[in-house]
């Protein structure tokens, strides 16, 4: 059951990302003109790369480590997840990699 929830969460994240990318690219094309498909591919690759790098809390943890050590606090740990099933690896594999692959296909 957890696998189905994780795949459903990945599908929702992927769908939201594609819709937001399409809206952003639509505005980009409306303002400056050009080819929608090529720019959609570039947008998918950029957002996929950003999601791959920031899909987990790793960057925010790295940012707060010096402050936490100054105040003598223990390192941050992930709690129950707030209802999320996908980890950073799941977001990378099931959301970021497909976005990058679709972007490459649209650009080429």
Protein backbone atom coordinates (compact mmCIF):
# COMPACT_ATOMS: atom_id res chain seq x y z
CA UNK A 1 0.00 0.00 0.00
CA UNK A 2 2.89 2.36 0.73
CA UNK A 3 4.24 1.82 -2.78
CA UNK A 4 0.93 2.86 -4.30
CA UNK A 5 0.83 5.97 -2.09
CA UNK A 6 4.39 6.85 -3.09
CA UNK A 7 3.68 6.42 -6.79
CA UNK A 8 0.49 8.46 -6.45
CA UNK A 9 2.43 11.21 -4.68
CA UNK A 10 5.07 11.14 -7.44
CA UNK A 11 2.36 11.39 -10.10
CA UNK A 12 0.78 14.38 -8.35
CA UNK A 13 4.16 16.13 -7.98
CA UNK A 14 5.03 15.38 -11.61
CA UNK A 15 1.66 16.65 -12.85
CA UNK A 16 1.88 19.85 -10.83
CA UNK A 17 5.42 20.45 -12.09
CA UNK A 18 4.42 19.93 -15.74
CA UNK A 19 1.42 22.27 -15.44
CA UNK A 20 3.49 25.00 -13.77
CA UNK A 21 6.27 24.59 -16.35
CA UNK A 22 3.75 24.82 -19.21
CA UNK A 23 2.21 27.98 -17.74
CA UNK A 24 5.63 29.56 -17.25
CA UNK A 25 6.75 28.65 -20.76
CA UNK A 26 3.44 29.91 -22.17
CA UNK A 27 4.07 33.29 -20.56
CA UNK A 28 7.68 33.21 -21.81
CA UNK A 29 6.54 32.52 -25.40
CA UNK A 30 3.76 35.14 -25.20
CA UNK A 31 6.21 37.81 -24.06
CA UNK A 32 9.17 37.10 -26.32
CA UNK A 33 7.88 34.74 -29.02
CA UNK A 34 9.63 31.60 -30.14
CA UNK A 35 9.03 27.86 -30.20
CA UNK A 36 6.88 26.52 -27.36
CA UNK A 37 8.07 22.90 -27.61
CA UNK A 38 11.77 23.68 -27.41
CA UNK A 39 11.29 26.03 -24.47
CA UNK A 40 9.04 23.49 -22.73
CA UNK A 41 11.90 20.98 -23.00
CA UNK A 42 14.37 23.46 -21.56
CA UNK A 43 11.95 24.27 -18.74
CA UNK A 44 11.46 20.58 -17.94
CA UNK A 45 15.20 20.01 -17.78
CA UNK A 46 15.81 23.04 -15.55
CA UNK A 47 12.99 22.20 -13.14
CA UNK A 48 13.99 18.53 -13.12
CA UNK A 49 17.56 19.46 -12.23
CA UNK A 50 16.38 21.81 -9.49
CA UNK A 51 14.05 19.16 -8.06
CA UNK A 52 16.85 16.62 -8.21
CA UNK A 53 19.11 18.88 -6.17
CA UNK A 54 16.56 20.31 -3.75
CA UNK A 55 13.88 17.62 -3.55
CA UNK A 56 14.94 16.66 -0.05
CA UNK A 57 15.69 18.72 3.05
CA UNK A 58 19.44 18.21 2.65
CA UNK A 59 20.22 21.76 1.50
CA UNK A 60 18.19 23.36 4.28
CA UNK A 61 19.87 21.11 6.84
CA UNK A 62 23.31 22.04 5.55
CA UNK A 63 22.38 25.70 5.81
CA UNK A 64 21.31 25.47 9.47
CA UNK A 65 24.16 23.23 10.71
CA UNK A 66 26.55 26.06 11.72
CA UNK A 67 23.84 27.91 13.63
CA UNK A 68 22.71 24.77 15.42
CA UNK A 69 26.27 23.90 16.42
CA UNK A 70 26.87 27.42 17.77
CA UNK A 71 23.85 27.08 20.05
CA UNK A 72 24.78 23.53 21.08
CA UNK A 73 21.75 21.93 19.44
CA UNK A 74 21.73 18.43 18.03
CA UNK A 75 21.63 17.98 14.25
CA UNK A 76 18.21 18.19 12.66
CA UNK A 77 16.52 14.89 11.98
CA UNK A 78 13.63 14.13 9.78
CA UNK A 79 10.49 13.49 11.77
CA UNK A 80 7.48 11.49 10.72
CA UNK A 81 7.53 13.15 7.32
CA UNK A 82 4.30 15.08 7.65
CA UNK A 83 2.34 12.52 5.66
CA UNK A 84 4.87 12.34 2.85
CA UNK A 85 5.75 8.91 1.53
CA UNK A 86 8.46 9.83 -0.97
CA UNK A 87 11.95 10.51 0.28
CA UNK A 88 14.50 12.63 -1.55
CA UNK A 89 15.59 9.60 -3.56
CA UNK A 90 12.00 8.89 -4.57
CA UNK A 91 11.47 12.47 -5.67
CA UNK A 92 14.69 12.30 -7.68
CA UNK A 93 13.86 8.95 -9.34
CA UNK A 94 10.14 9.37 -9.97
CA UNK A 95 9.81 13.12 -10.56
CA UNK A 96 13.15 14.73 -11.48
CA UNK A 97 14.51 12.03 -13.81
CA UNK A 98 11.28 11.77 -15.87
CA UNK A 99 11.16 15.58 -16.17
CA UNK A 100 14.74 15.66 -17.41
CA UNK A 101 14.09 12.77 -19.83
CA UNK A 102 10.99 14.47 -21.26
CA UNK A 103 12.93 17.71 -21.56
CA UNK A 104 15.70 15.99 -23.51
CA UNK A 105 13.15 14.38 -25.83
CA UNK A 106 11.40 17.70 -26.46
CA UNK A 107 14.64 19.58 -27.16
CA UNK A 108 16.10 17.00 -29.54
